[in-house]
Amino acid sequence: MAEGKVEYTEDNIRSLDWKEHIRMRPGMYIGKLGDGSSSDDGIYVLVKEVVDNSIDEFVMGNGKKNLCKDKWR
């Protein structure tokens, strides 16, 4: 092996539990981690996904009311 080169083996691989991998790499799941100033920031992606999913569930008959509240107003 060449000097200064690190050997990468199966022993270097670590399995993460379902929560740990999300905490370590949130950008993989929600996209760009911004400050909320851009429409493609991860927070807006999450909000859109929650609203879209709740509408889908309502349309499929899973509930009688679809309520989204803004707790800051």
Protein backbone atom coordinates (compact mmCIF):
# COMPACT_ATOMS: atom_id res chain seq x y z
CA MET A 1 0.00 0.00 0.00
CA ALA A 2 1.26 3.49 -0.86
CA GLU A 3 2.40 5.69 1.98
CA GLY A 4 -0.24 8.14 3.23
CA LYS A 5 -3.06 6.10 1.75
CA VAL A 6 -5.71 4.86 4.18
CA GLU A 7 -7.00 1.34 3.76
CA TYR A 8 -10.79 1.18 3.71
CA THR A 9 -12.23 -2.18 4.70
CA GLU A 10 -15.52 -3.69 5.77
CA ASP A 11 -14.52 -2.95 9.38
CA ASN A 12 -14.81 0.79 8.65
CA ILE A 13 -18.52 0.51 7.81
CA ARG A 14 -20.93 1.33 10.60
CA SER A 15 -24.67 0.67 10.57
CA LEU A 16 -26.81 3.47 11.93
CA ASP A 17 -30.25 3.09 13.47
CA TRP A 18 -33.21 4.68 11.71
CA LYS A 19 -33.05 7.93 13.72
CA GLU A 20 -29.30 8.35 13.80
CA HIS A 21 -28.80 8.46 10.04
CA ILE A 22 -31.48 11.17 9.68
CA ARG A 23 -29.88 13.27 12.42
CA MET A 24 -26.43 12.94 10.87
CA ARG A 25 -27.49 13.72 7.26
CA PRO A 26 -30.79 15.66 7.31
CA GLY A 27 -30.04 17.25 3.94
CA MET A 28 -30.46 13.84 2.30
CA TYR A 29 -34.12 13.85 3.33
CA ILE A 30 -35.25 17.46 3.29
CA GLY A 31 -32.91 19.06 0.77
CA LYS A 32 -31.08 22.33 1.23
CA LEU A 33 -30.62 23.41 4.83
CA GLY A 34 -31.10 27.16 4.59
CA ASP A 35 -32.28 29.98 6.78
CA GLY A 36 -35.81 30.09 5.36
CA SER A 37 -35.12 32.95 2.97
CA SER A 38 -35.41 30.82 -0.18
CA SER A 39 -38.43 28.85 -1.39
CA ASP A 40 -36.34 25.69 -1.85
CA ASP A 41 -35.07 25.63 1.75
CA GLY A 42 -35.66 22.36 3.54
CA ILE A 43 -38.22 23.77 5.96
CA TYR A 44 -40.56 24.68 3.09
CA VAL A 45 -40.03 21.27 1.51
CA LEU A 46 -41.09 19.66 4.81
CA VAL A 47 -44.16 21.86 5.17
CA LYS A 48 -45.23 21.16 1.58
CA GLU A 49 -44.76 17.41 2.14
CA VAL A 50 -46.86 17.42 5.33
CA VAL A 51 -49.67 19.40 3.68
CA ASP A 52 -49.59 17.24 0.52
CA ASN A 53 -49.71 14.03 2.57
CA SER A 54 -52.55 15.26 4.76
CA ILE A 55 -54.60 16.25 1.69
CA ASP A 56 -53.94 12.84 0.11
CA GLU A 57 -55.10 11.08 3.27
CA PHE A 58 -58.24 13.23 3.42
CA VAL A 59 -59.07 12.58 -0.24
CA MET A 60 -58.70 8.83 0.35
CA GLY A 61 -61.32 9.06 3.12
CA ASN A 62 -59.05 8.90 6.15
CA GLY A 63 -60.63 11.64 8.20
CA LYS A 64 -63.46 14.14 8.20
CA LYS A 65 -61.42 17.29 8.69
CA ASN A 66 -58.01 18.51 7.55
CA LEU A 67 -56.75 21.10 10.02
CA CYS A 68 -53.41 22.93 9.70
CA LYS A 69 -52.63 25.54 12.33
CA ASP A 70 -49.99 28.22 12.43
CA LYS A 71 -49.13 28.46 16.12
CA TRP A 72 -47.14 31.69 15.67
CA ARG A 73 -50.11 33.83 14.70
